[in-house]
Amino acid sequence: MAGHLIEMLGDSNLSAEIRMNDIPKIEGIEDYVSKFIFPDNTTRIYNDVKDKVSGMNGLEFILLCDPQTSGGLMVSVDPSKEKEFLKLTLSNGFELKNFGKIKRRSDKIIELV
């Protein structure tokens, strides 16, 4: 997810503030994380993004840098259109969840809160 989000923001003057606890996760993932079970490419992605993310100080890197995540399916929607967008996606069978916001660029491209 972190790699995709950094690609989305590109060279803009924007950062993403991500609420780690609100990121949707598959049931039971904590068990795998606690056992350090993750794809090999996770550490490569971590090394690519670690200097661009604040707050990634523990095992959350496993979820944020896992190449199997749905990061490529993330969308950013103007807050004034969020309810309308979520209603539209739900009517098409997609239950999405807001787990962050885009803001003016700060020290890092991604800030975990």
PDB file of N, CA and C in Angstrom:
ATOM      1  N   MET A   1       0.805  -1.176   0.000  1.00  0.00           N
ATOM      2  CA  MET A   1       0.000   0.000   0.000  1.00  0.00           C
ATOM      3  C   MET A   1       0.862   1.258   0.000  1.00  0.00           C
ATOM      4  N   ALA A   2       1.929   1.272   0.789  1.00  0.00           N
ATOM      5  CA  ALA A   2       2.773   2.472   0.879  1.00  0.00           C
ATOM      6  C   ALA A   2       3.366   2.834  -0.477  1.00  0.00           C
ATOM      7  N   GLY A   3       3.825   1.858  -1.206  1.00  0.00           N
ATOM      8  CA  GLY A   3       4.404   2.125  -2.520  1.00  0.00           C
ATOM      9  C   GLY A   3       3.382   2.714  -3.477  1.00  0.00           C
ATOM     10  N   HIS A   4       2.168   2.154  -3.486  1.00  0.00           N
ATOM     11  CA  HIS A   4       1.112   2.675  -4.355  1.00  0.00           C
ATOM     12  C   HIS A   4       0.736   4.102  -3.973  1.00  0.00           C
ATOM     13  N   LEU A   5       0.644   4.362  -2.685  1.00  0.00           N
ATOM     14  CA  LEU A   5       0.260   5.694  -2.231  1.00  0.00           C
ATOM     15  C   LEU A   5       1.329   6.724  -2.589  1.00  0.00           C
ATOM     16  N   ILE A   6       2.575   6.366  -2.455  1.00  0.00           N
ATOM     17  CA  ILE A   6       3.660   7.274  -2.846  1.00  0.00           C
ATOM     18  C   ILE A   6       3.599   7.539  -4.348  1.00  0.00           C
ATOM     19  N   GLU A   7       3.274   6.522  -5.148  1.00  0.00           N
ATOM     20  CA  GLU A   7       3.104   6.720  -6.591  1.00  0.00           C
ATOM     21  C   GLU A   7       1.940   7.648  -6.886  1.00  0.00           C
ATOM     22  N   MET A   8       0.828   7.512  -6.140  1.00  0.00           N
ATOM     23  CA  MET A   8      -0.333   8.379  -6.341  1.00  0.00           C
ATOM     24  C   MET A   8       0.022   9.841  -6.091  1.00  0.00           C
ATOM     25  N   LEU A   9       0.792  10.078  -5.050  1.00  0.00           N
ATOM     26  CA  LEU A   9       1.117  11.453  -4.672  1.00  0.00           C
ATOM     27  C   LEU A   9       2.230  12.029  -5.537  1.00  0.00           C
ATOM     28  N   GLY A  10       3.070  11.168  -6.066  1.00  0.00           N
ATOM     29  CA  GLY A  10       4.121  11.582  -6.988  1.00  0.00           C
ATOM     30  C   GLY A  10       4.920  12.772  -6.514  1.00  0.00           C
ATOM     31  N   ASP A  11       5.167  13.692  -7.427  1.00  0.00           N
ATOM     32  CA  ASP A  11       5.953  14.886  -7.118  1.00  0.00           C
ATOM     33  C   ASP A  11       5.068  16.060  -6.710  1.00  0.00           C
ATOM     34  N   SER A  12       3.867  15.784  -6.261  1.00  0.00           N
ATOM     35  CA  SER A  12       2.942  16.850  -5.864  1.00  0.00           C
ATOM     36  C   SER A  12       3.420  17.502  -4.561  1.00  0.00           C
ATOM     37  N   ASN A  13       2.718  18.483  -4.134  1.00  0.00           N
ATOM     38  CA  ASN A  13       2.984  19.139  -2.846  1.00  0.00           C
ATOM     39  C   ASN A  13       2.072  18.569  -1.774  1.00  0.00           C
ATOM     40  N   LEU A  14       1.750  17.274  -1.881  1.00  0.00           N
ATOM     41  CA  LEU A  14       0.779  16.653  -0.988  1.00  0.00           C
ATOM     42  C   LEU A  14       1.392  15.510  -0.197  1.00  0.00           C
ATOM     43  N   SER A  15       0.820  15.297   0.986  1.00  0.00           N
ATOM     44  CA  SER A  15       1.148  14.154   1.836  1.00  0.00           C
ATOM     45  C   SER A  15      -0.144  13.427   2.167  1.00  0.00           C
ATOM     46  N   ALA A  16      -0.009  12.202   2.635  1.00  0.00           N
ATOM     47  CA  ALA A  16      -1.166  11.433   3.095  1.00  0.00           C
ATOM     48  C   ALA A  16      -1.018  11.181   4.579  1.00  0.00           C
ATOM     49  N   GLU A  17      -2.077  11.446   5.307  1.00  0.00           N
ATOM     50  CA  GLU A  17      -2.143  11.113   6.728  1.00  0.00           C
ATOM     51  C   GLU A  17      -3.006   9.865   6.841  1.00  0.00           C
ATOM     52  N   ILE A  18      -2.420   8.779   7.300  1.00  0.00           N
ATOM     53  CA  ILE A  18      -3.083   7.478   7.318  1.00  0.00           C
ATOM     54  C   ILE A  18      -3.333   7.037   8.758  1.00  0.00           C
ATOM     55  N   ARG A  19      -4.595   6.665   9.025  1.00  0.00           N
ATOM     56  CA  ARG A  19      -4.960   6.122  10.336  1.00  0.00           C
ATOM     57  C   ARG A  19      -4.756   4.601  10.270  1.00  0.00           C
ATOM     58  N   MET A  20      -3.629   4.164  10.762  1.00  0.00           N
ATOM     59  CA  MET A  20      -3.223   2.758  10.656  1.00  0.00           C
ATOM     60  C   MET A  20      -4.319   1.808  11.160  1.00  0.00           C
ATOM     61  N   ASN A  21      -4.971   2.157  12.256  1.00  0.00           N
ATOM     62  CA  ASN A  21      -5.994   1.276  12.832  1.00  0.00           C
ATOM     63  C   ASN A  21      -7.243   1.172  11.969  1.00  0.00           C
ATOM     64  N   ASP A  22      -7.432   2.105  11.028  1.00  0.00           N
ATOM     65  CA  ASP A  22      -8.623   2.096  10.181  1.00  0.00           C
ATOM     66  C   ASP A  22      -8.415   1.405   8.838  1.00  0.00           C
ATOM     67  N   ILE A  23      -7.192   1.011   8.534  1.00  0.00           N
ATOM     68  CA  ILE A  23      -6.936   0.317   7.267  1.00  0.00           C
ATOM     69  C   ILE A  23      -7.617  -1.052   7.317  1.00  0.00           C
ATOM     70  N   PRO A  24      -8.463  -1.362   6.336  1.00  0.00           N
ATOM     71  CA  PRO A  24      -9.110  -2.683   6.324  1.00  0.00           C
ATOM     72  C   PRO A  24      -8.062  -3.793   6.218  1.00  0.00           C
ATOM     73  N   LYS A  25      -8.252  -4.829   7.026  1.00  0.00           N
ATOM     74  CA  LYS A  25      -7.328  -5.960   7.033  1.00  0.00           C
ATOM     75  C   LYS A  25      -8.119  -7.264   6.982  1.00  0.00           C
ATOM     76  N   ILE A  26      -7.529  -8.284   6.381  1.00  0.00           N
ATOM     77  CA  ILE A  26      -8.202  -9.578   6.351  1.00  0.00           C
ATOM     78  C   ILE A  26      -8.162 -10.199   7.750  1.00  0.00           C
ATOM     79  N   GLU A  27      -9.199 -10.946   8.041  1.00  0.00           N
ATOM     80  CA  GLU A  27      -9.310 -11.584   9.345  1.00  0.00           C
ATOM     81  C   GLU A  27      -8.126 -12.529   9.578  1.00  0.00           C
ATOM     82  N   GLY A  28      -7.528 -12.447  10.744  1.00  0.00           N
ATOM     83  CA  GLY A  28      -6.437 -13.327  11.124  1.00  0.00           C
ATOM     84  C   GLY A  28      -5.052 -12.858  10.726  1.00  0.00           C
ATOM     85  N   ILE A  29      -4.950 -11.709  10.064  1.00  0.00           N
ATOM     86  CA  ILE A  29      -3.640 -11.250   9.579  1.00  0.00           C
ATOM     87  C   ILE A  29      -2.662 -11.007  10.719  1.00  0.00           C
ATOM     88  N   GLU A  30      -3.177 -10.584  11.874  1.00  0.00           N
ATOM     89  CA  GLU A  30      -2.288 -10.305  13.010  1.00  0.00           C
ATOM     90  C   GLU A  30      -1.475 -11.540  13.402  1.00  0.00           C
ATOM     91  N   ASP A  31      -2.074 -12.728  13.245  1.00  0.00           N
ATOM     92  CA  ASP A  31      -1.369 -13.970  13.568  1.00  0.00           C
ATOM     93  C   ASP A  31      -0.150 -14.145  12.662  1.00  0.00           C
ATOM     94  N   TYR A  32      -0.312 -13.889  11.370  1.00  0.00           N
ATOM     95  CA  TYR A  32       0.808 -14.008  10.431  1.00  0.00           C
ATOM     96  C   TYR A  32       1.883 -12.958  10.717  1.00  0.00           C
ATOM     97  N   VAL A  33       1.444 -11.741  10.988  1.00  0.00           N
ATOM     98  CA  VAL A  33       2.398 -10.667  11.281  1.00  0.00           C
ATOM     99  C   VAL A  33       3.204 -11.008  12.527  1.00  0.00           C
ATOM    100  N   SER A  34       2.540 -11.514  13.558  1.00  0.00           N
ATOM    101  CA  SER A  34       3.245 -11.836  14.803  1.00  0.00           C
ATOM    102  C   SER A  34       4.269 -12.949  14.614  1.00  0.00           C
ATOM    103  N   LYS A  35       4.088 -13.769  13.574  1.00  0.00           N
ATOM    104  CA  LYS A  35       5.015 -14.858  13.272  1.00  0.00           C
ATOM    105  C   LYS A  35       6.008 -14.476  12.174  1.00  0.00           C
ATOM    106  N   PHE A  36       5.998 -13.203  11.780  1.00  0.00           N
ATOM    107  CA  PHE A  36       6.896 -12.697  10.733  1.00  0.00           C
ATOM    108  C   PHE A  36       6.736 -13.452   9.420  1.00  0.00           C
ATOM    109  N   ILE A  37       5.494 -13.775   9.081  1.00  0.00           N
ATOM    110  CA  ILE A  37       5.207 -14.445   7.820  1.00  0.00           C
ATOM    111  C   ILE A  37       4.761 -13.381   6.827  1.00  0.00           C
ATOM    112  N   PHE A  38       5.578 -13.155   5.811  1.00  0.00           N
ATOM    113  CA  PHE A  38       5.260 -12.153   4.796  1.00  0.00           C
ATOM    114  C   PHE A  38       6.058 -12.441   3.541  1.00  0.00           C
ATOM    115  N   PRO A  39       5.589 -11.927   2.386  1.00  0.00           N
ATOM    116  CA  PRO A  39       6.285 -12.163   1.119  1.00  0.00           C
ATOM    117  C   PRO A  39       7.677 -11.539   1.117  1.00  0.00           C
ATOM    118  N   ASP A  40       8.571 -12.148   0.410  1.00  0.00           N
ATOM    119  CA  ASP A  40       9.960 -11.699   0.330  1.00  0.00           C
ATOM    120  C   ASP A  40      10.082 -10.258  -0.152  1.00  0.00           C
ATOM    121  N   ASN A  41       9.262  -9.855  -1.110  1.00  0.00           N
ATOM    122  CA  ASN A  41       9.353  -8.509  -1.665  1.00  0.00           C
ATOM    123  C   ASN A  41       8.954  -7.414  -0.679  1.00  0.00           C
ATOM    124  N   THR A  42       8.357  -7.785   0.435  1.00  0.00           N
ATOM    125  CA  THR A  42       7.954  -6.803   1.447  1.00  0.00           C
ATOM    126  C   THR A  42       9.159  -6.001   1.919  1.00  0.00           C
ATOM    127  N   THR A  43      10.273  -6.655   2.155  1.00  0.00           N
ATOM    128  CA  THR A  43      11.461  -5.936   2.649  1.00  0.00           C
ATOM    129  C   THR A  43      12.058  -5.049   1.560  1.00  0.00           C
ATOM    130  N   ARG A  44      11.959  -5.444   0.299  1.00  0.00           N
ATOM    131  CA  ARG A  44      12.435  -4.589  -0.788  1.00  0.00           C
ATOM    132  C   ARG A  44      11.607  -3.313  -0.851  1.00  0.00           C
ATOM    133  N   ILE A  45      10.287  -3.471  -0.763  1.00  0.00           N
ATOM    134  CA  ILE A  45       9.408  -2.302  -0.793  1.00  0.00           C
ATOM    135  C   ILE A  45       9.674  -1.421   0.425  1.00  0.00           C
ATOM    136  N   TYR A  46       9.845  -2.042   1.584  1.00  0.00           N
ATOM    137  CA  TYR A  46      10.159  -1.268   2.793  1.00  0.00           C
ATOM    138  C   TYR A  46      11.414  -0.413   2.569  1.00  0.00           C
ATOM    139  N   ASN A  47      12.446  -1.005   2.024  1.00  0.00           N
ATOM    140  CA  ASN A  47      13.690  -0.251   1.785  1.00  0.00           C
ATOM    141  C   ASN A  47      13.475   0.890   0.790  1.00  0.00           C
ATOM    142  N   ASP A  48      12.546   0.718  -0.150  1.00  0.00           N
ATOM    143  CA  ASP A  48      12.251   1.777  -1.119  1.00  0.00           C
ATOM    144  C   ASP A  48      11.477   2.945  -0.513  1.00  0.00           C
ATOM    145  N   VAL A  49      10.631   2.677   0.490  1.00  0.00           N
ATOM    146  CA  VAL A  49       9.719   3.714   0.993  1.00  0.00           C
ATOM    147  C   VAL A  49      10.039   4.227   2.393  1.00  0.00           C
ATOM    148  N   LYS A  50      10.884   3.544   3.145  1.00  0.00           N
ATOM    149  CA  LYS A  50      11.066   3.859   4.569  1.00  0.00           C
ATOM    150  C   LYS A  50      11.426   5.312   4.845  1.00  0.00           C
ATOM    151  N   ASP A  51      12.150   5.966   3.971  1.00  0.00           N
ATOM    152  CA  ASP A  51      12.536   7.361   4.199  1.00  0.00           C
ATOM    153  C   ASP A  51      11.420   8.341   3.857  1.00  0.00           C
ATOM    154  N   LYS A  52      10.326   7.831   3.304  1.00  0.00           N
ATOM    155  CA  LYS A  52       9.212   8.689   2.902  1.00  0.00           C
ATOM    156  C   LYS A  52       7.997   8.531   3.805  1.00  0.00           C
ATOM    157  N   VAL A  53       8.130   7.689   4.853  1.00  0.00           N
ATOM    158  CA  VAL A  53       7.008   7.382   5.738  1.00  0.00           C
ATOM    159  C   VAL A  53       7.406   7.667   7.176  1.00  0.00           C
ATOM    160  N   SER A  54       6.581   8.440   7.884  1.00  0.00           N
ATOM    161  CA  SER A  54       6.826   8.656   9.310  1.00  0.00           C
ATOM    162  C   SER A  54       5.882   7.775  10.111  1.00  0.00           C
ATOM    163  N   GLY A  55       6.355   7.277  11.225  1.00  0.00           N
ATOM    164  CA  GLY A  55       5.536   6.453  12.099  1.00  0.00           C
ATOM    165  C   GLY A  55       5.587   4.974  11.812  1.00  0.00           C
ATOM    166  N   MET A  56       6.377   4.555  10.857  1.00  0.00           N
ATOM    167  CA  MET A  56       6.500   3.134  10.535  1.00  0.00           C
ATOM    168  C   MET A  56       7.690   2.595  11.335  1.00  0.00           C
ATOM    169  N   ASN A  57       7.435   2.351  12.611  1.00  0.00           N
ATOM    170  CA  ASN A  57       8.516   2.016  13.535  1.00  0.00           C
ATOM    171  C   ASN A  57       8.513   0.575  14.003  1.00  0.00           C
ATOM    172  N   GLY A  58       7.502  -0.179  13.638  1.00  0.00           N
ATOM    173  CA  GLY A  58       7.404  -1.558  14.112  1.00  0.00           C
ATOM    174  C   GLY A  58       6.954  -2.485  13.011  1.00  0.00           C
ATOM    175  N   LEU A  59       6.155  -3.460  13.392  1.00  0.00           N
ATOM    176  CA  LEU A  59       5.729  -4.493  12.453  1.00  0.00           C
ATOM    177  C   LEU A  59       4.692  -4.013  11.444  1.00  0.00           C
ATOM    178  N   GLU A  60       4.216  -2.762  11.594  1.00  0.00           N
ATOM    179  CA  GLU A  60       3.247  -2.271  10.605  1.00  0.00           C
ATOM    180  C   GLU A  60       3.834  -2.253   9.195  1.00  0.00           C
ATOM    181  N   PHE A  61       5.162  -2.275   9.087  1.00  0.00           N
ATOM    182  CA  PHE A  61       5.773  -2.306   7.749  1.00  0.00           C
ATOM    183  C   PHE A  61       5.328  -3.536   6.972  1.00  0.00           C
ATOM    184  N   ILE A  62       5.025  -4.633   7.677  1.00  0.00           N
ATOM    185  CA  ILE A  62       4.612  -5.864   6.997  1.00  0.00           C
ATOM    186  C   ILE A  62       3.316  -5.635   6.225  1.00  0.00           C
ATOM    187  N   LEU A  63       2.368  -4.932   6.829  1.00  0.00           N
ATOM    188  CA  LEU A  63       1.104  -4.660   6.153  1.00  0.00           C
ATOM    189  C   LEU A  63       1.233  -3.538   5.128  1.00  0.00           C
ATOM    190  N   LEU A  64       1.991  -2.513   5.452  1.00  0.00           N
ATOM    191  CA  LEU A  64       2.095  -1.357   4.566  1.00  0.00           C
ATOM    192  C   LEU A  64       2.944  -1.625   3.326  1.00  0.00           C
ATOM    193  N   CYS A  65       3.867  -2.557   3.427  1.00  0.00           N
ATOM    194  CA  CYS A  65       4.797  -2.810   2.319  1.00  0.00           C
ATOM    195  C   CYS A  65       4.582  -4.158   1.644  1.00  0.00           C
ATOM    196  N   ASP A  66       3.556  -4.883   2.020  1.00  0.00           N
ATOM    197  CA  ASP A  66       3.257  -6.172   1.418  1.00  0.00           C
ATOM    198  C   ASP A  66       2.843  -5.972  -0.040  1.00  0.00           C
ATOM    199  N   PRO A  67       3.512  -6.611  -0.986  1.00  0.00           N
ATOM    200  CA  PRO A  67       3.177  -6.426  -2.403  1.00  0.00           C
ATOM    201  C   PRO A  67       1.827  -7.030  -2.782  1.00  0.00           C
ATOM    202  N   GLN A  68       1.211  -7.797  -1.893  1.00  0.00           N
ATOM    203  CA  GLN A  68      -0.066  -8.438  -2.203  1.00  0.00           C
ATOM    204  C   GLN A  68      -1.265  -7.590  -1.787  1.00  0.00           C
ATOM    205  N   THR A  69      -1.037  -6.425  -1.211  1.00  0.00           N
ATOM    206  CA  THR A  69      -2.157  -5.599  -0.748  1.00  0.00           C
ATOM    207  C   THR A  69      -2.947  -5.051  -1.917  1.00  0.00           C
ATOM    208  N   SER A  70      -4.058  -4.434  -1.595  1.00  0.00           N
ATOM    209  CA  SER A  70      -4.898  -3.819  -2.620  1.00  0.00           C
ATOM    210  C   SER A  70      -4.573  -2.341  -2.768  1.00  0.00           C
ATOM    211  N   GLY A  71      -3.352  -1.958  -2.507  1.00  0.00           N
ATOM    212  CA  GLY A  71      -2.959  -0.564  -2.607  1.00  0.00           C
ATOM    213  C   GLY A  71      -3.260   0.043  -3.958  1.00  0.00           C
ATOM    214  N   GLY A  72      -3.161  -0.746  -4.992  1.00  0.00           N
ATOM    215  CA  GLY A  72      -3.446  -0.252  -6.329  1.00  0.00           C
ATOM    216  C   GLY A  72      -4.912   0.063  -6.551  1.00  0.00           C
ATOM    217  N   LEU A  73      -5.756  -0.301  -5.594  1.00  0.00           N
ATOM    218  CA  LEU A  73      -7.184  -0.027  -5.690  1.00  0.00           C
ATOM    219  C   LEU A  73      -7.590   1.179  -4.852  1.00  0.00           C
ATOM    220  N   MET A  74      -6.629   1.884  -4.273  1.00  0.00           N
ATOM    221  CA  MET A  74      -6.946   3.063  -3.471  1.00  0.00           C
ATOM    222  C   MET A  74      -7.466   4.181  -4.356  1.00  0.00           C
ATOM    223  N   VAL A  75      -8.344   4.975  -3.778  1.00  0.00           N
ATOM    224  CA  VAL A  75      -8.849   6.155  -4.464  1.00  0.00           C
ATOM    225  C   VAL A  75      -8.778   7.335  -3.510  1.00  0.00           C
ATOM    226  N   SER A  76      -8.715   8.496  -4.072  1.00  0.00           N
ATOM    227  CA  SER A  76      -8.762   9.724  -3.293  1.00  0.00           C
ATOM    228  C   SER A  76      -9.950  10.528  -3.805  1.00  0.00           C
ATOM    229  N   VAL A  77     -10.793  10.969  -2.884  1.00  0.00           N
ATOM    230  CA  VAL A  77     -12.027  11.664  -3.240  1.00  0.00           C
ATOM    231  C   VAL A  77     -12.108  12.956  -2.446  1.00  0.00           C
ATOM    232  N   ASP A  78     -12.548  14.009  -3.102  1.00  0.00           N
ATOM    233  CA  ASP A  78     -12.771  15.281  -2.415  1.00  0.00           C
ATOM    234  C   ASP A  78     -13.708  15.029  -1.232  1.00  0.00           C
ATOM    235  N   PRO A  79     -13.351  15.516  -0.035  1.00  0.00           N
ATOM    236  CA  PRO A  79     -14.192  15.275   1.146  1.00  0.00           C
ATOM    237  C   PRO A  79     -15.656  15.686   0.959  1.00  0.00           C
ATOM    238  N   SER A  80     -15.912  16.705   0.177  1.00  0.00           N
ATOM    239  CA  SER A  80     -17.296  17.139  -0.036  1.00  0.00           C
ATOM    240  C   SER A  80     -18.095  16.136  -0.879  1.00  0.00           C
ATOM    241  N   LYS A  81     -17.422  15.219  -1.531  1.00  0.00           N
ATOM    242  CA  LYS A  81     -18.075  14.215  -2.382  1.00  0.00           C
ATOM    243  C   LYS A  81     -17.994  12.809  -1.791  1.00  0.00           C
ATOM    244  N   GLU A  82     -17.410  12.681  -0.586  1.00  0.00           N
ATOM    245  CA  GLU A  82     -17.173  11.353  -0.006  1.00  0.00           C
ATOM    246  C   GLU A  82     -18.455  10.548   0.183  1.00  0.00           C
ATOM    247  N   LYS A  83     -19.479  11.120   0.809  1.00  0.00           N
ATOM    248  CA  LYS A  83     -20.718  10.373   1.061  1.00  0.00           C
ATOM    249  C   LYS A  83     -21.353   9.910  -0.244  1.00  0.00           C
ATOM    250  N   GLU A  84     -21.379  10.783  -1.225  1.00  0.00           N
ATOM    251  CA  GLU A  84     -21.943  10.439  -2.525  1.00  0.00           C
ATOM    252  C   GLU A  84     -21.139   9.315  -3.184  1.00  0.00           C
ATOM    253  N   PHE A  85     -19.815   9.406  -3.104  1.00  0.00           N
ATOM    254  CA  PHE A  85     -18.941   8.391  -3.697  1.00  0.00           C
ATOM    255  C   PHE A  85     -19.141   7.036  -3.012  1.00  0.00           C
ATOM    256  N   LEU A  86     -19.165   7.023  -1.680  1.00  0.00           N
ATOM    257  CA  LEU A  86     -19.340   5.766  -0.945  1.00  0.00           C
ATOM    258  C   LEU A  86     -20.707   5.141  -1.224  1.00  0.00           C
ATOM    259  N   LYS A  87     -21.733   5.971  -1.371  1.00  0.00           N
ATOM    260  CA  LYS A  87     -23.063   5.465  -1.712  1.00  0.00           C
ATOM    261  C   LYS A  87     -23.044   4.820  -3.096  1.00  0.00           C
ATOM    262  N   LEU A  88     -22.387   5.469  -4.049  1.00  0.00           N
ATOM    263  CA  LEU A  88     -22.288   4.941  -5.411  1.00  0.00           C
ATOM    264  C   LEU A  88     -21.513   3.626  -5.432  1.00  0.00           C
ATOM    265  N   THR A  89     -20.383   3.584  -4.737  1.00  0.00           N
ATOM    266  CA  THR A  89     -19.593   2.341  -4.749  1.00  0.00           C
ATOM    267  C   THR A  89     -20.343   1.204  -4.061  1.00  0.00           C
ATOM    268  N   LEU A  90     -21.043   1.508  -2.964  1.00  0.00           N
ATOM    269  CA  LEU A  90     -21.813   0.482  -2.264  1.00  0.00           C
ATOM    270  C   LEU A  90     -22.928  -0.054  -3.159  1.00  0.00           C
ATOM    271  N   SER A  91     -23.576   0.827  -3.917  1.00  0.00           N
ATOM    272  CA  SER A  91     -24.650   0.383  -4.819  1.00  0.00           C
ATOM    273  C   SER A  91     -24.108  -0.506  -5.938  1.00  0.00           C
ATOM    274  N   ASN A  92     -22.796  -0.464  -6.154  1.00  0.00           N
ATOM    275  CA  ASN A  92     -22.159  -1.317  -7.166  1.00  0.00           C
ATOM    276  C   ASN A  92     -21.418  -2.501  -6.542  1.00  0.00           C
ATOM    277  N   GLY A  93     -21.683  -2.754  -5.252  1.00  0.00           N
ATOM    278  CA  GLY A  93     -21.141  -3.937  -4.592  1.00  0.00           C
ATOM    279  C   GLY A  93     -19.780  -3.776  -3.952  1.00  0.00           C
ATOM    280  N   PHE A  94     -19.321  -2.539  -3.785  1.00  0.00           N
ATOM    281  CA  PHE A  94     -18.013  -2.303  -3.181  1.00  0.00           C
ATOM    282  C   PHE A  94     -18.183  -1.538  -1.881  1.00  0.00           C
ATOM    283  N   GLU A  95     -17.788  -2.151  -0.779  1.00  0.00           N
ATOM    284  CA  GLU A  95     -17.866  -1.481   0.517  1.00  0.00           C
ATOM    285  C   GLU A  95     -16.476  -0.942   0.855  1.00  0.00           C
ATOM    286  N   LEU A  96     -16.289   0.343   0.642  1.00  0.00           N
ATOM    287  CA  LEU A  96     -14.999   0.986   0.864  1.00  0.00           C
ATOM    288  C   LEU A  96     -14.965   1.662   2.220  1.00  0.00           C
ATOM    289  N   LYS A  97     -13.754   1.938   2.694  1.00  0.00           N
ATOM    290  CA  LYS A  97     -13.587   2.551   4.005  1.00  0.00           C
ATOM    291  C   LYS A  97     -12.550   3.664   3.923  1.00  0.00           C
ATOM    292  N   ASN A  98     -12.874   4.788   4.522  1.00  0.00           N
ATOM    293  CA  ASN A  98     -11.954   5.910   4.604  1.00  0.00           C
ATOM    294  C   ASN A  98     -10.944   5.623   5.714  1.00  0.00           C
ATOM    295  N   PHE A  99      -9.660   5.684   5.385  1.00  0.00           N
ATOM    296  CA  PHE A  99      -8.635   5.454   6.406  1.00  0.00           C
ATOM    297  C   PHE A  99      -7.552   6.528   6.394  1.00  0.00           C
ATOM    298  N   GLY A 100      -7.844   7.651   5.762  1.00  0.00           N
ATOM    299  CA  GLY A 100      -6.851   8.713   5.766  1.00  0.00           C
ATOM    300  C   GLY A 100      -7.325   9.943   5.047  1.00  0.00           C
ATOM    301  N   LYS A 101      -6.409  10.878   4.913  1.00  0.00           N
ATOM    302  CA  LYS A 101      -6.721  12.101   4.180  1.00  0.00           C
ATOM    303  C   LYS A 101      -5.464  12.623   3.512  1.00  0.00           C
ATOM    304  N   ILE A 102      -5.688  13.378   2.455  1.00  0.00           N
ATOM    305  CA  ILE A 102      -4.600  14.023   1.723  1.00  0.00           C
ATOM    306  C   ILE A 102      -4.511  15.461   2.230  1.00  0.00           C
ATOM    307  N   LYS A 103      -3.299  15.922   2.423  1.00  0.00           N
ATOM    308  CA  LYS A 103      -3.103  17.279   2.928  1.00  0.00           C
ATOM    309  C   LYS A 103      -1.852  17.884   2.304  1.00  0.00           C
ATOM    310  N   ARG A 104      -1.606  19.125   2.641  1.00  0.00           N
ATOM    311  CA  ARG A 104      -0.416  19.801   2.151  1.00  0.00           C
ATOM    312  C   ARG A 104       0.832  19.033   2.586  1.00  0.00           C
ATOM    313  N   ARG A 105       1.833  18.970   1.715  1.00  0.00           N
ATOM    314  CA  ARG A 105       3.056  18.209   1.971  1.00  0.00           C
ATOM    315  C   ARG A 105       3.691  18.634   3.284  1.00  0.00           C
ATOM    316  N   SER A 106       4.061  17.637   4.047  1.00  0.00           N
ATOM    317  CA  SER A 106       4.815  17.861   5.271  1.00  0.00           C
ATOM    318  C   SER A 106       6.181  17.209   5.105  1.00  0.00           C
ATOM    319  N   ASP A 107       6.814  16.874   6.185  1.00  0.00           N
ATOM    320  CA  ASP A 107       8.158  16.327   6.145  1.00  0.00           C
ATOM    321  C   ASP A 107       8.245  15.029   5.337  1.00  0.00           C
ATOM    322  N   LYS A 108       7.256  14.173   5.498  1.00  0.00           N
ATOM    323  CA  LYS A 108       7.230  12.872   4.805  1.00  0.00           C
ATOM    324  C   LYS A 108       6.028  12.805   3.885  1.00  0.00           C
ATOM    325  N   ILE A 109       6.065  11.930   2.895  1.00  0.00           N
ATOM    326  CA  ILE A 109       4.952  11.775   1.978  1.00  0.00           C
ATOM    327  C   ILE A 109       3.786  11.069   2.668  1.00  0.00           C
ATOM    328  N   ILE A 110       4.095  10.102   3.537  1.00  0.00           N
ATOM    329  CA  ILE A 110       3.054   9.387   4.296  1.00  0.00           C
ATOM    330  C   ILE A 110       3.336   9.563   5.777  1.00  0.00           C
ATOM    331  N   GLU A 111       2.293   9.929   6.519  1.00  0.00           N
ATOM    332  CA  GLU A 111       2.388  10.051   7.966  1.00  0.00           C
ATOM    333  C   GLU A 111       1.383   9.083   8.577  1.00  0.00           C
ATOM    334  N   LEU A 112       1.857   8.168   9.405  1.00  0.00           N
ATOM    335  CA  LEU A 112       0.971   7.240  10.101  1.00  0.00           C
ATOM    336  C   LEU A 112       0.554   7.865  11.427  1.00  0.00           C
ATOM    337  N   VAL A 113      -0.732   7.831  11.691  1.00  0.00           N
ATOM    338  CA  VAL A 113      -1.249   8.351  12.956  1.00  0.00           C
ATOM    339  C   VAL A 113      -2.079   7.299  13.647  1.00  0.00           C
TER     340      VAL A 113
END
